Amino acid sequence: MNIRLVEKEGFAALVLRLRAEGVADTALLSAMEQTPRTMFVGAAHAPHAYENRLLPIDCGGFAESPDLIARLLSLADLAPGQRVLDVGTGSGFTAGVIGRIAERVLTIDRYKTLVQLAQQRYSHLAITNVVARQGDGAKGVPGEGTFDRIVVTTAFETMPRHYVDFLVSEGVMVAPLRDKDGALRLSRFTKIGSRFEREDFFEVPYLPMIAGLASAL
C-alpha cells in the first residue's frame, strides 16, 4: 500500500465532498492536509482513512469521519492565537488538526491508552502545541483557566451549563447534545455573560459521555 497515494487521493476526494457541503475554509483544509490521517487510524484501516465512515480505534471507541470533523471544526470558527480545549481525544486527529491553527490545545480523554497513543503521534509529527492528558470530561478541566474554544466529541445528555466557566466571554463550544425528541445533534454554544446562547445543527453519531476515568485502559 502506498501511503502517500492514499493521503493524496483521499484528501482530494475529501475536499470535493466538503465543498459540496459548503465547507471551504482554506485554513481548516490546510490544517487537515498537514495532519496525515493515516497515522491516526492504524495500518489496518489506513486505506479507508479518508472515507466518510466511522473506523474502530482502541478502547472500544471509533474515529469519526474526516467529513464530520471538518464540519464540526468549521462551526468552531478556529483562529490563530486561540487556546482550545478538546474533550474526547479518541485517535488524536481532531486535536492535531486544531493544533495546526490555534496557539495551544489541551485534549483530554478518560482512557489513558488513547491519551498516550495520541501524544506519541503528536511527537512523531512534531506537533508541539498540543498536550494530551487523561481527564474526566463530565467534570471539565477545573484549574486550567479559560479557553477561547471548546470542542467536544462525546455526547452530553443534558445542557452542560458548568462548561460556561471554562470559556472566555463570547467564547464558543461545539458539542453533541441530546434534544427533547431524543435525537443527538451537534450544537454550538456561545458564552454571553454567564449563560450560553445555543444553536442546533445536524444529527451526529457520538457516544454518550461517561463520567470518571477508565481504570483498566
N, C-alpha and C. Protein backbone atom coordinates (compact mmCIF):
# COMPACT_ATOMS: atom_id res chain seq x y z
N MET A 1 0.84 -1.20 0.00
CA MET A 1 0.00 0.00 0.00
C MET A 1 0.87 1.26 0.00
N ASN A 2 0.58 2.16 -0.90
CA ASN A 2 1.31 3.42 -0.99
C ASN A 2 0.60 4.47 -0.14
N ILE A 3 1.16 4.72 1.06
CA ILE A 3 0.52 5.64 1.99
C ILE A 3 0.42 7.05 1.40
N ARG A 4 1.47 7.49 0.71
CA ARG A 4 1.44 8.84 0.13
C ARG A 4 0.30 8.98 -0.87
N LEU A 5 0.08 7.92 -1.64
CA LEU A 5 -1.00 7.95 -2.63
C LEU A 5 -2.36 7.95 -1.93
N VAL A 6 -2.48 7.14 -0.87
CA VAL A 6 -3.73 7.12 -0.10
C VAL A 6 -4.02 8.51 0.45
N GLU A 7 -2.98 9.17 0.99
CA GLU A 7 -3.15 10.51 1.54
C GLU A 7 -3.56 11.51 0.44
N LYS A 8 -2.85 11.49 -0.66
CA LYS A 8 -3.10 12.46 -1.72
C LYS A 8 -4.49 12.29 -2.32
N GLU A 9 -4.82 11.06 -2.72
CA GLU A 9 -6.11 10.82 -3.36
C GLU A 9 -7.26 10.92 -2.36
N GLY A 10 -7.03 10.43 -1.14
CA GLY A 10 -8.07 10.50 -0.11
C GLY A 10 -8.40 11.92 0.26
N PHE A 11 -7.38 12.76 0.42
CA PHE A 11 -7.62 14.15 0.78
C PHE A 11 -8.33 14.90 -0.35
N ALA A 12 -7.93 14.64 -1.59
CA ALA A 12 -8.57 15.29 -2.73
C ALA A 12 -10.07 14.96 -2.79
N ALA A 13 -10.40 13.70 -2.55
CA ALA A 13 -11.81 13.29 -2.53
C ALA A 13 -12.56 13.95 -1.38
N LEU A 14 -11.90 14.07 -0.23
CA LEU A 14 -12.49 14.73 0.94
C LEU A 14 -12.83 16.18 0.63
N VAL A 15 -11.89 16.89 0.01
CA VAL A 15 -12.11 18.31 -0.31
C VAL A 15 -13.32 18.48 -1.23
N LEU A 16 -13.46 17.59 -2.20
CA LEU A 16 -14.61 17.67 -3.11
C LEU A 16 -15.92 17.47 -2.34
N ARG A 17 -15.94 16.50 -1.43
CA ARG A 17 -17.16 16.27 -0.64
C ARG A 17 -17.47 17.46 0.25
N LEU A 18 -16.44 18.03 0.88
CA LEU A 18 -16.66 19.15 1.78
C LEU A 18 -17.15 20.39 1.05
N ARG A 19 -16.58 20.64 -0.12
CA ARG A 19 -17.05 21.79 -0.89
C ARG A 19 -18.51 21.64 -1.28
N ALA A 20 -18.91 20.41 -1.57
CA ALA A 20 -20.32 20.16 -1.87
C ALA A 20 -21.21 20.42 -0.66
N GLU A 21 -20.63 20.29 0.55
CA GLU A 21 -21.36 20.55 1.80
C GLU A 21 -21.26 22.01 2.22
N GLY A 22 -20.49 22.79 1.46
CA GLY A 22 -20.35 24.21 1.79
C GLY A 22 -19.20 24.53 2.72
N VAL A 23 -18.32 23.55 2.96
CA VAL A 23 -17.15 23.77 3.82
C VAL A 23 -15.96 24.07 2.91
N ALA A 24 -15.50 25.33 2.94
CA ALA A 24 -14.40 25.73 2.06
C ALA A 24 -13.38 26.59 2.79
N ASP A 25 -13.30 26.43 4.11
CA ASP A 25 -12.35 27.20 4.93
C ASP A 25 -10.93 26.75 4.58
N THR A 26 -10.18 27.61 3.90
CA THR A 26 -8.84 27.20 3.42
C THR A 26 -7.88 26.90 4.57
N ALA A 27 -7.97 27.64 5.67
CA ALA A 27 -7.09 27.39 6.81
C ALA A 27 -7.38 26.02 7.42
N LEU A 28 -8.65 25.68 7.52
CA LEU A 28 -9.04 24.38 8.07
C LEU A 28 -8.61 23.24 7.15
N LEU A 29 -8.85 23.40 5.86
CA LEU A 29 -8.47 22.36 4.91
C LEU A 29 -6.95 22.18 4.88
N SER A 30 -6.21 23.27 4.97
CA SER A 30 -4.76 23.19 5.01
C SER A 30 -4.29 22.46 6.25
N ALA A 31 -4.95 22.74 7.39
CA ALA A 31 -4.59 22.07 8.65
C ALA A 31 -4.84 20.57 8.56
N MET A 32 -5.92 20.19 7.91
CA MET A 32 -6.23 18.77 7.75
C MET A 32 -5.22 18.10 6.81
N GLU A 33 -4.84 18.80 5.77
CA GLU A 33 -3.86 18.25 4.84
C GLU A 33 -2.50 18.05 5.50
N GLN A 34 -2.15 18.93 6.45
CA GLN A 34 -0.86 18.84 7.14
C GLN A 34 -0.85 17.77 8.24
N THR A 35 -2.00 17.17 8.51
CA THR A 35 -2.13 16.19 9.59
C THR A 35 -2.53 14.85 8.98
N PRO A 36 -1.56 14.04 8.55
CA PRO A 36 -1.87 12.81 7.81
C PRO A 36 -2.75 11.85 8.61
N ARG A 37 -3.97 11.69 8.14
CA ARG A 37 -4.96 10.92 8.89
C ARG A 37 -4.61 9.44 8.97
N THR A 38 -3.86 8.93 8.01
CA THR A 38 -3.49 7.52 8.05
C THR A 38 -2.69 7.18 9.31
N MET A 39 -1.98 8.16 9.86
CA MET A 39 -1.19 7.92 11.08
C MET A 39 -2.06 7.77 12.31
N PHE A 40 -3.31 8.19 12.22
CA PHE A 40 -4.17 8.21 13.41
C PHE A 40 -5.17 7.06 13.44
N VAL A 41 -5.31 6.31 12.36
CA VAL A 41 -6.32 5.25 12.33
C VAL A 41 -5.73 3.84 12.33
N GLY A 42 -4.41 3.73 12.30
CA GLY A 42 -3.78 2.41 12.34
C GLY A 42 -3.62 1.81 10.96
N ALA A 43 -2.63 0.96 10.81
CA ALA A 43 -2.27 0.41 9.49
C ALA A 43 -3.42 -0.36 8.85
N ALA A 44 -4.17 -1.12 9.64
CA ALA A 44 -5.25 -1.94 9.08
C ALA A 44 -6.34 -1.11 8.43
N HIS A 45 -6.53 0.11 8.95
CA HIS A 45 -7.61 0.96 8.44
C HIS A 45 -7.11 2.11 7.58
N ALA A 46 -5.81 2.19 7.37
CA ALA A 46 -5.23 3.29 6.60
C ALA A 46 -5.85 3.46 5.21
N PRO A 47 -6.14 2.35 4.48
CA PRO A 47 -6.73 2.54 3.15
C PRO A 47 -8.09 3.25 3.18
N HIS A 48 -8.75 3.23 4.35
CA HIS A 48 -10.08 3.82 4.48
C HIS A 48 -10.06 5.14 5.26
N ALA A 49 -8.87 5.68 5.51
CA ALA A 49 -8.71 6.83 6.40
C ALA A 49 -9.54 8.04 5.99
N TYR A 50 -9.72 8.23 4.69
CA TYR A 50 -10.42 9.43 4.22
C TYR A 50 -11.85 9.15 3.75
N GLU A 51 -12.33 7.95 3.99
CA GLU A 51 -13.71 7.64 3.62
C GLU A 51 -14.68 8.25 4.63
N ASN A 52 -15.88 8.51 4.16
CA ASN A 52 -16.89 9.15 5.00
C ASN A 52 -17.62 8.09 5.83
N ARG A 53 -16.88 7.52 6.81
CA ARG A 53 -17.46 6.49 7.68
C ARG A 53 -16.68 6.39 8.97
N LEU A 54 -17.28 5.71 9.95
CA LEU A 54 -16.63 5.50 11.23
C LEU A 54 -15.59 4.40 11.11
N LEU A 55 -14.50 4.54 11.87
CA LEU A 55 -13.47 3.50 11.91
C LEU A 55 -13.18 3.15 13.37
N PRO A 56 -13.03 1.85 13.69
CA PRO A 56 -12.76 1.46 15.08
C PRO A 56 -11.36 1.87 15.53
N ILE A 57 -11.25 2.25 16.80
CA ILE A 57 -9.95 2.55 17.40
C ILE A 57 -9.83 1.77 18.71
N ASP A 58 -8.73 1.96 19.42
CA ASP A 58 -8.52 1.27 20.69
C ASP A 58 -9.59 1.64 21.72
N CYS A 59 -9.71 0.80 22.74
CA CYS A 59 -10.57 1.04 23.90
C CYS A 59 -12.07 1.04 23.55
N GLY A 60 -12.41 0.38 22.42
CA GLY A 60 -13.82 0.24 22.07
C GLY A 60 -14.46 1.48 21.47
N GLY A 61 -13.65 2.46 21.12
CA GLY A 61 -14.20 3.68 20.55
C GLY A 61 -14.16 3.66 19.04
N PHE A 62 -14.41 4.83 18.45
CA PHE A 62 -14.34 4.93 17.00
C PHE A 62 -13.80 6.30 16.61
N ALA A 63 -13.24 6.35 15.43
CA ALA A 63 -12.82 7.63 14.84
C ALA A 63 -13.93 8.06 13.90
N GLU A 64 -14.47 9.27 14.13
CA GLU A 64 -15.49 9.77 13.24
C GLU A 64 -14.88 10.08 11.87
N SER A 65 -15.70 10.27 10.88
CA SER A 65 -15.20 10.52 9.54
C SER A 65 -14.52 11.89 9.45
N PRO A 66 -13.58 12.06 8.54
CA PRO A 66 -12.95 13.37 8.37
C PRO A 66 -13.96 14.42 7.92
N ASP A 67 -15.01 13.99 7.24
CA ASP A 67 -16.08 14.91 6.83
C ASP A 67 -16.74 15.54 8.05
N LEU A 68 -17.07 14.70 9.04
CA LEU A 68 -17.71 15.20 10.25
C LEU A 68 -16.77 16.10 11.03
N ILE A 69 -15.51 15.73 11.13
CA ILE A 69 -14.54 16.56 11.85
C ILE A 69 -14.45 17.94 11.21
N ALA A 70 -14.40 17.98 9.89
CA ALA A 70 -14.31 19.27 9.20
C ALA A 70 -15.54 20.13 9.45
N ARG A 71 -16.73 19.53 9.39
CA ARG A 71 -17.96 20.28 9.64
C ARG A 71 -18.03 20.79 11.08
N LEU A 72 -17.59 19.95 12.02
CA LEU A 72 -17.56 20.34 13.42
C LEU A 72 -16.60 21.50 13.66
N LEU A 73 -15.38 21.38 13.13
CA LEU A 73 -14.38 22.43 13.36
C LEU A 73 -14.73 23.71 12.61
N SER A 74 -15.44 23.59 11.51
CA SER A 74 -15.90 24.78 10.80
C SER A 74 -16.85 25.59 11.68
N LEU A 75 -17.71 24.90 12.42
CA LEU A 75 -18.63 25.58 13.33
C LEU A 75 -17.91 26.23 14.50
N ALA A 76 -16.74 25.68 14.86
CA ALA A 76 -15.98 26.22 16.00
C ALA A 76 -15.30 27.55 15.68
N ASP A 77 -15.15 27.86 14.40
CA ASP A 77 -14.54 29.13 13.99
C ASP A 77 -13.17 29.32 14.64
N LEU A 78 -12.27 28.40 14.36
CA LEU A 78 -10.92 28.44 14.92
C LEU A 78 -10.09 29.55 14.29
N ALA A 79 -9.14 30.07 15.07
CA ALA A 79 -8.28 31.14 14.56
C ALA A 79 -6.95 31.11 15.30
N PRO A 80 -5.89 31.64 14.68
CA PRO A 80 -4.59 31.73 15.35
C PRO A 80 -4.70 32.51 16.67
N GLY A 81 -3.88 32.09 17.63
CA GLY A 81 -3.85 32.79 18.92
C GLY A 81 -4.80 32.23 19.95
N GLN A 82 -5.69 31.35 19.54
CA GLN A 82 -6.68 30.81 20.48
C GLN A 82 -6.11 29.70 21.35
N ARG A 83 -6.70 29.58 22.53
CA ARG A 83 -6.43 28.46 23.44
C ARG A 83 -7.66 27.56 23.37
N VAL A 84 -7.46 26.29 23.05
CA VAL A 84 -8.59 25.39 22.76
C VAL A 84 -8.55 24.16 23.65
N LEU A 85 -9.72 23.76 24.14
CA LEU A 85 -9.89 22.50 24.87
C LEU A 85 -10.63 21.53 23.98
N ASP A 86 -10.08 20.32 23.84
CA ASP A 86 -10.71 19.25 23.07
C ASP A 86 -11.07 18.14 24.04
N VAL A 87 -12.35 17.85 24.16
CA VAL A 87 -12.83 16.83 25.10
C VAL A 87 -13.20 15.57 24.32
N GLY A 88 -12.45 14.50 24.55
CA GLY A 88 -12.65 13.25 23.82
C GLY A 88 -11.54 13.08 22.80
N THR A 89 -10.34 12.78 23.28
CA THR A 89 -9.17 12.70 22.40
C THR A 89 -9.34 11.70 21.27
N GLY A 90 -9.85 10.50 21.62
CA GLY A 90 -10.02 9.48 20.60
C GLY A 90 -8.70 9.14 19.93
N SER A 91 -8.66 9.16 18.61
CA SER A 91 -7.43 8.87 17.88
C SER A 91 -6.40 9.98 18.01
N GLY A 92 -6.87 11.18 18.38
CA GLY A 92 -5.97 12.33 18.48
C GLY A 92 -5.98 13.21 17.25
N PHE A 93 -6.68 12.78 16.20
CA PHE A 93 -6.65 13.51 14.93
C PHE A 93 -7.27 14.90 15.06
N THR A 94 -8.42 14.99 15.71
CA THR A 94 -9.11 16.28 15.82
C THR A 94 -8.24 17.33 16.49
N ALA A 95 -7.64 16.98 17.64
CA ALA A 95 -6.78 17.92 18.35
C ALA A 95 -5.54 18.27 17.53
N GLY A 96 -5.04 17.28 16.77
CA GLY A 96 -3.89 17.54 15.91
C GLY A 96 -4.20 18.58 14.86
N VAL A 97 -5.38 18.49 14.25
CA VAL A 97 -5.80 19.47 13.26
C VAL A 97 -5.97 20.85 13.91
N ILE A 98 -6.61 20.87 15.07
CA ILE A 98 -6.79 22.14 15.78
C ILE A 98 -5.44 22.80 16.06
N GLY A 99 -4.46 21.96 16.43
CA GLY A 99 -3.13 22.47 16.76
C GLY A 99 -2.42 23.14 15.59
N ARG A 100 -2.83 22.83 14.36
CA ARG A 100 -2.25 23.47 13.18
C ARG A 100 -2.77 24.90 13.01
N ILE A 101 -3.87 25.22 13.71
CA ILE A 101 -4.49 26.53 13.57
C ILE A 101 -4.33 27.37 14.84
N ALA A 102 -4.72 26.79 15.97
CA ALA A 102 -4.73 27.52 17.24
C ALA A 102 -3.32 27.60 17.85
N GLU A 103 -3.22 28.37 18.93
CA GLU A 103 -1.92 28.54 19.58
C GLU A 103 -1.59 27.40 20.53
N ARG A 104 -2.58 27.02 21.37
CA ARG A 104 -2.37 25.95 22.34
C ARG A 104 -3.62 25.07 22.39
N VAL A 105 -3.42 23.75 22.55
CA VAL A 105 -4.54 22.82 22.63
C VAL A 105 -4.31 21.86 23.79
N LEU A 106 -5.33 21.72 24.63
CA LEU A 106 -5.34 20.69 25.66
C LEU A 106 -6.43 19.70 25.27
N THR A 107 -6.07 18.44 25.09
CA THR A 107 -7.06 17.42 24.77
C THR A 107 -7.11 16.38 25.89
N ILE A 108 -8.33 16.02 26.32
CA ILE A 108 -8.48 15.06 27.42
C ILE A 108 -9.34 13.89 27.00
N ASP A 109 -9.08 12.73 27.61
CA ASP A 109 -9.87 11.53 27.37
C ASP A 109 -9.85 10.70 28.64
N ARG A 110 -10.90 9.93 28.87
CA ARG A 110 -10.96 9.09 30.08
C ARG A 110 -10.05 7.87 29.98
N TYR A 111 -9.58 7.55 28.75
CA TYR A 111 -8.73 6.38 28.55
C TYR A 111 -7.26 6.80 28.44
N LYS A 112 -6.45 6.31 29.37
CA LYS A 112 -5.02 6.62 29.36
C LYS A 112 -4.35 6.10 28.09
N THR A 113 -4.78 4.93 27.61
CA THR A 113 -4.21 4.35 26.39
C THR A 113 -4.34 5.31 25.21
N LEU A 114 -5.53 5.88 25.02
CA LEU A 114 -5.77 6.78 23.90
C LEU A 114 -4.93 8.05 24.04
N VAL A 115 -4.82 8.55 25.25
CA VAL A 115 -4.02 9.76 25.50
C VAL A 115 -2.55 9.51 25.15
N GLN A 116 -2.03 8.36 25.58
CA GLN A 116 -0.62 8.05 25.32
C GLN A 116 -0.35 7.86 23.83
N LEU A 117 -1.26 7.16 23.14
CA LEU A 117 -1.09 6.96 21.70
C LEU A 117 -1.14 8.29 20.95
N ALA A 118 -2.08 9.15 21.34
CA ALA A 118 -2.19 10.46 20.69
C ALA A 118 -0.92 11.28 20.89
N GLN A 119 -0.39 11.28 22.12
CA GLN A 119 0.81 12.06 22.39
C GLN A 119 1.99 11.55 21.58
N GLN A 120 2.06 10.24 21.39
CA GLN A 120 3.12 9.67 20.54
C GLN A 120 2.99 10.15 19.11
N ARG A 121 1.77 10.22 18.61
CA ARG A 121 1.55 10.69 17.24
C ARG A 121 1.92 12.16 17.09
N TYR A 122 1.59 12.97 18.09
CA TYR A 122 1.96 14.39 18.04
C TYR A 122 3.48 14.55 18.03
N SER A 123 4.15 13.76 18.85
CA SER A 123 5.62 13.83 18.90
C SER A 123 6.22 13.46 17.55
N HIS A 124 5.68 12.40 16.94
CA HIS A 124 6.19 11.94 15.64
C HIS A 124 6.01 13.00 14.56
N LEU A 125 4.90 13.73 14.64
CA LEU A 125 4.60 14.76 13.63
C LEU A 125 5.13 16.13 14.02
N ALA A 126 5.84 16.21 15.15
CA ALA A 126 6.39 17.48 15.65
C ALA A 126 5.30 18.51 15.90
N ILE A 127 4.15 18.03 16.38
CA ILE A 127 3.08 18.95 16.80
C ILE A 127 3.32 19.22 18.28
N THR A 128 3.93 20.34 18.57
CA THR A 128 4.41 20.60 19.93
C THR A 128 3.45 21.44 20.78
N ASN A 129 2.39 21.96 20.18
CA ASN A 129 1.49 22.83 20.94
C ASN A 129 0.21 22.13 21.38
N VAL A 130 0.19 20.79 21.26
CA VAL A 130 -0.96 20.00 21.72
C VAL A 130 -0.52 19.10 22.87
N VAL A 131 -1.23 19.17 23.97
CA VAL A 131 -0.95 18.34 25.14
C VAL A 131 -2.14 17.41 25.38
N ALA A 132 -1.88 16.10 25.45
CA ALA A 132 -2.91 15.10 25.71
C ALA A 132 -2.82 14.66 27.17
N ARG A 133 -3.96 14.61 27.83
CA ARG A 133 -3.97 14.29 29.26
C ARG A 133 -5.21 13.47 29.60
N GLN A 134 -5.08 12.52 30.51
CA GLN A 134 -6.25 11.79 30.97
C GLN A 134 -7.10 12.71 31.83
N GLY A 135 -8.40 12.73 31.55
CA GLY A 135 -9.28 13.61 32.31
C GLY A 135 -10.73 13.18 32.20
N ASP A 136 -11.55 13.67 33.11
CA ASP A 136 -12.97 13.36 33.18
C ASP A 136 -13.76 14.46 32.48
N GLY A 137 -14.24 14.16 31.27
CA GLY A 137 -14.96 15.16 30.50
C GLY A 137 -16.23 15.64 31.16
N ALA A 138 -16.84 14.79 31.99
CA ALA A 138 -18.07 15.19 32.67
C ALA A 138 -17.82 16.35 33.63
N LYS A 139 -16.62 16.41 34.19
CA LYS A 139 -16.26 17.48 35.12
C LYS A 139 -15.62 18.67 34.42
N GLY A 140 -15.09 18.43 33.22
CA GLY A 140 -14.35 19.50 32.55
C GLY A 140 -12.92 19.57 33.05
N VAL A 141 -12.36 20.76 33.08
CA VAL A 141 -10.96 20.91 33.48
C VAL A 141 -10.80 22.03 34.52
N PRO A 142 -11.36 21.84 35.71
CA PRO A 142 -11.19 22.86 36.75
C PRO A 142 -9.72 23.09 37.05
N GLY A 143 -9.34 24.34 37.21
CA GLY A 143 -7.96 24.67 37.50
C GLY A 143 -7.12 24.96 36.27
N GLU A 144 -7.68 24.78 35.08
CA GLU A 144 -6.93 25.01 33.84
C GLU A 144 -7.20 26.37 33.21
N GLY A 145 -7.98 27.19 33.90
CA GLY A 145 -8.28 28.52 33.35
C GLY A 145 -9.38 28.45 32.31
N THR A 146 -9.41 29.46 31.44
CA THR A 146 -10.47 29.53 30.43
C THR A 146 -9.90 29.34 29.02
N PHE A 147 -10.80 29.01 28.11
CA PHE A 147 -10.43 28.71 26.73
C PHE A 147 -11.24 29.58 25.77
N ASP A 148 -10.67 29.85 24.62
CA ASP A 148 -11.39 30.59 23.59
C ASP A 148 -12.39 29.70 22.88
N ARG A 149 -12.03 28.44 22.72
CA ARG A 149 -12.89 27.46 22.06
C ARG A 149 -12.84 26.14 22.81
N ILE A 150 -13.98 25.44 22.82
CA ILE A 150 -14.04 24.09 23.36
C ILE A 150 -14.73 23.21 22.32
N VAL A 151 -14.10 22.09 22.00
CA VAL A 151 -14.65 21.13 21.05
C VAL A 151 -14.88 19.82 21.79
N VAL A 152 -16.10 19.32 21.76
CA VAL A 152 -16.45 18.10 22.49
C VAL A 152 -16.94 17.05 21.50
N THR A 153 -16.35 15.85 21.58
CA THR A 153 -16.75 14.78 20.66
C THR A 153 -17.28 13.56 21.42
N THR A 154 -17.93 13.83 22.52
CA THR A 154 -18.67 12.81 23.26
C THR A 154 -19.93 13.50 23.75
N ALA A 155 -21.05 12.81 23.78
CA ALA A 155 -22.34 13.48 23.86
C ALA A 155 -22.81 13.81 25.28
N PHE A 156 -23.30 15.03 25.44
CA PHE A 156 -23.97 15.44 26.67
C PHE A 156 -25.44 15.04 26.58
N GLU A 157 -25.96 14.47 27.67
CA GLU A 157 -27.38 14.11 27.72
C GLU A 157 -28.23 15.29 28.17
N THR A 158 -27.63 16.20 28.92
CA THR A 158 -28.32 17.40 29.37
C THR A 158 -27.44 18.61 29.13
N MET A 159 -28.01 19.78 29.19
CA MET A 159 -27.29 21.03 28.92
C MET A 159 -26.06 21.15 29.83
N PRO A 160 -24.86 21.25 29.27
CA PRO A 160 -23.63 21.30 30.08
C PRO A 160 -23.35 22.70 30.63
N ARG A 161 -24.20 23.16 31.53
CA ARG A 161 -24.12 24.55 31.98
C ARG A 161 -22.81 24.88 32.69
N HIS A 162 -22.22 23.89 33.38
CA HIS A 162 -20.98 24.16 34.12
C HIS A 162 -19.81 24.49 33.19
N TYR A 163 -19.93 24.12 31.91
CA TYR A 163 -18.85 24.41 30.97
C TYR A 163 -18.73 25.90 30.65
N VAL A 164 -19.73 26.66 31.01
CA VAL A 164 -19.65 28.10 30.78
C VAL A 164 -18.47 28.71 31.54
N ASP A 165 -18.09 28.08 32.66
CA ASP A 165 -16.98 28.58 33.47
C ASP A 165 -15.63 28.37 32.82
N PHE A 166 -15.57 27.51 31.80
CA PHE A 166 -14.29 27.21 31.15
C PHE A 166 -14.07 28.03 29.87
N LEU A 167 -15.02 28.91 29.55
CA LEU A 167 -14.91 29.72 28.33
C LEU A 167 -14.68 31.19 28.66
N VAL A 168 -13.93 31.86 27.81
CA VAL A 168 -13.80 33.31 27.90
C VAL A 168 -15.13 33.93 27.47
N SER A 169 -15.31 35.21 27.75
CA SER A 169 -16.50 35.92 27.30
C SER A 169 -16.60 35.87 25.77
N GLU A 170 -17.76 35.48 25.28
CA GLU A 170 -18.03 35.31 23.85
C GLU A 170 -17.25 34.13 23.25
N GLY A 171 -16.72 33.27 24.12
CA GLY A 171 -16.09 32.04 23.65
C GLY A 171 -17.14 31.07 23.12
N VAL A 172 -16.68 30.09 22.36
CA VAL A 172 -17.59 29.17 21.68
C VAL A 172 -17.27 27.72 22.04
N MET A 173 -18.31 26.94 22.31
CA MET A 173 -18.17 25.50 22.49
C MET A 173 -19.05 24.79 21.46
N VAL A 174 -18.49 23.79 20.80
CA VAL A 174 -19.25 22.95 19.88
C VAL A 174 -19.30 21.56 20.50
N ALA A 175 -20.52 21.03 20.68
CA ALA A 175 -20.67 19.75 21.38
C ALA A 175 -21.96 19.06 20.96
N PRO A 176 -21.98 17.71 21.00
CA PRO A 176 -23.21 16.97 20.74
C PRO A 176 -24.11 17.03 21.98
N LEU A 177 -25.41 17.26 21.75
CA LEU A 177 -26.37 17.36 22.86
C LEU A 177 -27.66 16.66 22.48
N ARG A 178 -28.19 15.88 23.41
CA ARG A 178 -29.46 15.18 23.19
C ARG A 178 -30.60 16.20 23.25
N ASP A 179 -31.44 16.25 22.21
CA ASP A 179 -32.54 17.22 22.23
C ASP A 179 -33.80 16.58 22.83
N LYS A 180 -34.86 17.35 22.94
CA LYS A 180 -36.07 16.88 23.62
C LYS A 180 -36.75 15.73 22.89
N ASP A 181 -36.44 15.56 21.60
CA ASP A 181 -37.02 14.46 20.83
C ASP A 181 -36.15 13.21 20.86
N GLY A 182 -35.02 13.28 21.60
CA GLY A 182 -34.14 12.13 21.72
C GLY A 182 -33.03 12.06 20.69
N ALA A 183 -33.05 12.95 19.72
CA ALA A 183 -32.01 12.96 18.69
C ALA A 183 -30.74 13.61 19.22
N LEU A 184 -29.61 13.13 18.74
CA LEU A 184 -28.33 13.69 19.15
C LEU A 184 -27.87 14.65 18.06
N ARG A 185 -27.77 15.93 18.41
CA ARG A 185 -27.41 16.94 17.42
C ARG A 185 -26.16 17.69 17.84
N LEU A 186 -25.42 18.14 16.86
CA LEU A 186 -24.28 18.99 17.15
C LEU A 186 -24.81 20.39 17.43
N SER A 187 -24.40 20.95 18.56
CA SER A 187 -24.85 22.27 18.96
C SER A 187 -23.66 23.20 19.13
N ARG A 188 -23.90 24.48 18.94
CA ARG A 188 -22.87 25.50 19.19
C ARG A 188 -23.36 26.41 20.29
N PHE A 189 -22.52 26.55 21.33
CA PHE A 189 -22.85 27.36 22.49
C PHE A 189 -21.91 28.57 22.53
N THR A 190 -22.46 29.76 22.56
CA THR A 190 -21.66 30.98 22.67
C THR A 190 -21.89 31.58 24.05
N LYS A 191 -20.82 31.88 24.76
CA LYS A 191 -20.94 32.42 26.11
C LYS A 191 -21.30 33.90 26.06
N ILE A 192 -22.46 34.21 26.58
CA ILE A 192 -22.92 35.60 26.69
C ILE A 192 -23.16 35.87 28.16
N GLY A 193 -22.30 36.68 28.76
CA GLY A 193 -22.39 36.91 30.21
C GLY A 193 -22.08 35.63 30.95
N SER A 194 -23.04 35.15 31.73
CA SER A 194 -22.84 33.92 32.50
C SER A 194 -23.72 32.79 31.96
N ARG A 195 -24.18 32.92 30.73
CA ARG A 195 -25.06 31.90 30.16
C ARG A 195 -24.62 31.55 28.74
N PHE A 196 -25.27 30.54 28.18
CA PHE A 196 -25.00 30.10 26.81
C PHE A 196 -26.11 30.55 25.87
N GLU A 197 -25.71 30.99 24.70
CA GLU A 197 -26.65 31.14 23.58
C GLU A 197 -26.46 29.91 22.71
N ARG A 198 -27.51 29.17 22.44
CA ARG A 198 -27.40 27.86 21.80
C ARG A 198 -27.97 27.84 20.39
N GLU A 199 -27.25 27.17 19.49
CA GLU A 199 -27.72 26.93 18.13
C GLU A 199 -27.58 25.44 17.85
N ASP A 200 -28.60 24.82 17.28
CA ASP A 200 -28.58 23.39 16.97
C ASP A 200 -28.39 23.17 15.48
N PHE A 201 -27.62 22.13 15.14
CA PHE A 201 -27.33 21.85 13.74
C PHE A 201 -27.74 20.41 13.39
N PHE A 202 -26.87 19.63 12.79
CA PHE A 202 -27.20 18.32 12.25
C PHE A 202 -27.02 17.19 13.27
N GLU A 203 -27.64 16.06 12.97
CA GLU A 203 -27.50 14.88 13.84
C GLU A 203 -26.11 14.27 13.71
N VAL A 204 -25.60 13.70 14.81
CA VAL A 204 -24.26 13.12 14.84
C VAL A 204 -24.29 11.76 15.55
N PRO A 205 -23.26 10.90 15.32
CA PRO A 205 -23.29 9.53 15.84
C PRO A 205 -22.49 9.32 17.12
N TYR A 206 -22.19 10.37 17.87
CA TYR A 206 -21.27 10.23 19.00
C TYR A 206 -21.86 9.40 20.14
N LEU A 207 -20.96 8.82 20.93
CA LEU A 207 -21.34 8.02 22.09
C LEU A 207 -21.58 8.94 23.29
N PRO A 208 -22.44 8.53 24.22
CA PRO A 208 -22.70 9.35 25.42
C PRO A 208 -21.44 9.51 26.26
N MET A 209 -21.33 10.65 26.90
CA MET A 209 -20.20 10.89 27.80
C MET A 209 -20.32 10.00 29.04
N ILE A 210 -19.21 9.38 29.42
CA ILE A 210 -19.18 8.54 30.61
C ILE A 210 -18.34 9.25 31.66
N ALA A 211 -18.91 9.47 32.83
CA ALA A 211 -18.19 10.17 33.89
C ALA A 211 -17.08 9.30 34.46
N GLY A 212 -16.02 9.94 34.95
CA GLY A 212 -14.93 9.23 35.60
C GLY A 212 -13.83 8.84 34.64
N LEU A 213 -12.73 8.35 35.20
CA LEU A 213 -11.60 7.88 34.41
C LEU A 213 -11.66 6.37 34.26
N ALA A 214 -11.23 5.89 33.09
CA ALA A 214 -11.19 4.44 32.90
C ALA A 214 -10.05 3.86 33.72
N SER A 215 -10.31 2.81 34.50
CA SER A 215 -9.29 2.26 35.39
C SER A 215 -8.33 1.30 34.68
N ALA A 216 -8.87 0.45 33.81
CA ALA A 216 -8.03 -0.58 33.19
C ALA A 216 -7.25 -0.09 31.98
N LEU A 217 -7.86 0.80 31.21
CA LEU A 217 -7.24 1.25 29.97
C LEU A 217 -6.82 2.71 30.05
